[in-house]
């Protein structure tokens, strides 16, 4: 499946925010005198995994949206379809989380990445999403406010 424009745009926004947070984390490590290649590797590896995780989630949502638009469904079909798609999203999330944690452990064991620098970036995409949501809400409010004037 080819990713649509929205998936690519949102992934790019998330990637920029994640990179900023990773850079801030690395700066803190440097200020504390704890920066090394193990820290850099863990930060880059897990940040990339977080971005990939978001991208794969976007593809899953895109696929579900495309399937939903394929045909008209009556109420019974729609209820069944909705349950199927909820299950698909749940399965996708669970598999992505298992893979994410397994890859982080592999990175720490195989490459010797710093544990804290490998674990902290897991939270970066969530932080970025929340910040972007706030920014989008403020932009939307500002546009609505200027339309009333």
Protein backbone atom coordinates (compact mmCIF):
# COMPACT_ATOMS: atom_id res chain seq x y z
CA UNK A 1 0.00 0.00 0.00
CA UNK A 2 1.31 3.41 -0.94
CA UNK A 3 1.16 5.90 1.96
CA UNK A 4 -1.11 8.84 1.29
CA UNK A 5 -0.13 12.47 1.68
CA UNK A 6 -1.59 12.79 5.19
CA UNK A 7 0.38 9.81 6.53
CA UNK A 8 3.59 11.22 5.06
CA UNK A 9 2.94 14.75 6.35
CA UNK A 10 2.04 13.63 9.86
CA UNK A 11 5.02 11.28 9.99
CA UNK A 12 7.30 14.12 8.90
CA UNK A 13 5.89 16.41 11.61
CA UNK A 14 6.38 13.68 14.19
CA UNK A 15 9.93 13.00 12.97
CA UNK A 16 10.92 16.65 13.34
CA UNK A 17 9.50 16.84 16.86
CA UNK A 18 11.09 13.54 17.86
CA UNK A 19 14.45 14.71 16.50
CA UNK A 20 14.19 17.92 18.53
CA UNK A 21 13.43 15.99 21.73
CA UNK A 22 16.25 13.52 21.03
CA UNK A 23 18.66 16.42 20.49
CA UNK A 24 17.54 17.98 23.79
CA UNK A 25 18.06 14.67 25.57
CA UNK A 26 21.53 14.31 24.05
CA UNK A 27 22.36 17.87 25.11
CA UNK A 28 21.40 17.01 28.69
CA UNK A 29 23.65 13.96 28.54
CA UNK A 30 26.47 16.17 27.22
CA UNK A 31 25.99 18.81 29.94
CA UNK A 32 26.08 16.05 32.56
CA UNK A 33 29.27 14.68 31.01
CA UNK A 34 27.61 11.35 30.21
CA UNK A 35 27.42 11.62 26.43
CA UNK A 36 29.04 8.77 24.50
CA UNK A 37 28.39 6.59 21.46
CA UNK A 38 26.23 4.18 23.47
CA UNK A 39 23.96 7.09 24.40
CA UNK A 40 23.89 8.44 20.84
CA UNK A 41 23.16 4.99 19.40
CA UNK A 42 20.33 4.32 21.84
CA UNK A 43 18.75 7.73 21.21
CA UNK A 44 18.95 7.46 17.43
CA UNK A 45 17.86 3.83 17.30
CA UNK A 46 14.81 4.21 19.52
CA UNK A 47 13.82 7.54 17.99
CA UNK A 48 13.87 5.91 14.55
CA UNK A 49 11.82 2.99 15.89
CA UNK A 50 9.25 5.41 17.34
CA UNK A 51 8.92 7.20 14.01
CA UNK A 52 8.61 3.89 12.15
CA UNK A 53 5.98 2.75 14.65
CA UNK A 54 3.94 5.91 14.00
CA UNK A 55 4.29 5.47 10.23
CA UNK A 56 3.08 1.86 10.41
CA UNK A 57 0.14 2.94 12.56
CA UNK A 58 -0.69 5.57 9.94
CA UNK A 59 -0.63 2.95 7.20
CA UNK A 60 -2.96 0.75 9.25
CA UNK A 61 -5.42 3.62 9.75
CA UNK A 62 -5.18 4.51 6.06
CA UNK A 63 -5.95 0.92 5.09
CA UNK A 64 -8.97 0.84 7.38
CA UNK A 65 -10.24 4.17 6.03
CA UNK A 66 -9.85 2.92 2.46
CA UNK A 67 -11.73 -0.28 3.26
CA UNK A 68 -14.49 1.70 4.96
CA UNK A 69 -14.93 3.83 1.84
CA UNK A 70 -15.06 0.83 -0.54
CA UNK A 71 -18.79 0.25 -0.28
CA UNK A 72 -21.99 1.22 1.49
CA UNK A 73 -22.94 -0.97 4.42
CA UNK A 74 -26.19 -1.37 6.28
CA UNK A 75 -26.26 -1.07 10.09
CA UNK A 76 -25.54 -4.76 10.70
CA UNK A 77 -22.69 -4.86 8.21
CA UNK A 78 -21.31 -1.63 9.61
CA UNK A 79 -21.37 -2.95 13.18
CA UNK A 80 -19.54 -6.11 12.07
CA UNK A 81 -17.07 -4.09 9.98
CA UNK A 82 -16.41 -1.71 12.89
CA UNK A 83 -15.69 -4.62 15.22
CA UNK A 84 -13.33 -6.16 12.66
CA UNK A 85 -11.46 -2.89 12.20
CA UNK A 86 -11.20 -2.27 15.95
CA UNK A 87 -9.72 -5.75 16.31
CA UNK A 88 -7.32 -5.07 13.46
CA UNK A 89 -6.17 -1.81 15.10
CA UNK A 90 -5.76 -3.55 18.46
CA UNK A 91 -3.75 -6.39 16.90
CA UNK A 92 -1.60 -3.92 14.97
CA UNK A 93 -0.88 -1.92 18.11
CA UNK A 94 -0.02 -5.01 20.14
CA UNK A 95 2.29 -6.42 17.46
CA UNK A 96 4.00 -3.05 16.97
CA UNK A 97 4.55 -2.66 20.74
CA UNK A 98 5.99 -6.17 21.07
CA UNK A 99 8.30 -5.56 18.11
CA UNK A 100 9.30 -2.14 19.46
CA UNK A 101 10.26 -3.44 22.88
CA UNK A 102 11.99 -6.51 21.44
CA UNK A 103 14.07 -4.34 19.10
CA UNK A 104 15.02 -1.98 21.93
CA UNK A 105 16.18 -4.92 24.04
CA UNK A 106 18.13 -6.28 21.07
CA UNK A 107 19.71 -2.86 20.59
CA UNK A 108 20.77 -2.67 24.22
CA UNK A 109 22.06 -6.27 24.33
CA UNK A 110 23.60 -6.57 20.88
CA UNK A 111 24.93 -3.05 20.38
CA UNK A 112 25.34 -2.04 24.02
CA UNK A 113 23.10 1.01 23.76
CA UNK A 114 22.65 2.98 26.98
CA UNK A 115 19.44 1.71 28.63
CA UNK A 116 18.05 5.10 29.67
CA UNK A 117 18.90 6.73 26.34
CA UNK A 118 17.22 3.78 24.64
CA UNK A 119 14.05 3.86 26.74
CA UNK A 120 13.34 7.60 27.04
CA UNK A 121 12.76 8.17 23.30
CA UNK A 122 9.83 5.74 23.41
CA UNK A 123 7.83 8.58 24.97
CA UNK A 124 8.93 11.24 22.47
CA UNK A 125 6.30 10.51 19.77
CA UNK A 126 3.50 10.73 22.37
CA UNK A 127 4.84 14.06 23.64
CA UNK A 128 5.15 15.37 20.09
CA UNK A 129 1.61 14.26 19.21
CA UNK A 130 0.18 16.06 22.25
CA UNK A 131 2.13 19.25 21.50
CA UNK A 132 1.03 19.17 17.85
CA UNK A 133 -2.58 18.68 18.93
CA UNK A 134 -2.35 21.75 21.16
CA UNK A 135 -0.76 23.77 18.36
CA UNK A 136 -3.44 22.67 15.89
CA UNK A 137 -6.23 23.56 18.36
CA UNK A 138 -4.72 27.02 18.93
CA UNK A 139 -4.36 27.58 15.17
CA UNK A 140 -7.95 26.48 14.64
CA UNK A 141 -9.16 28.83 17.39
CA UNK A 142 -7.15 31.72 15.94
CA UNK A 143 -8.63 31.11 12.46
CA UNK A 144 -12.18 30.94 13.84
CA UNK A 145 -11.56 34.10 15.86
CA UNK A 146 -10.31 36.01 12.82
CA UNK A 147 -13.31 34.86 10.75
CA UNK A 148 -15.69 36.41 13.31
CA UNK A 149 -14.00 39.81 13.06
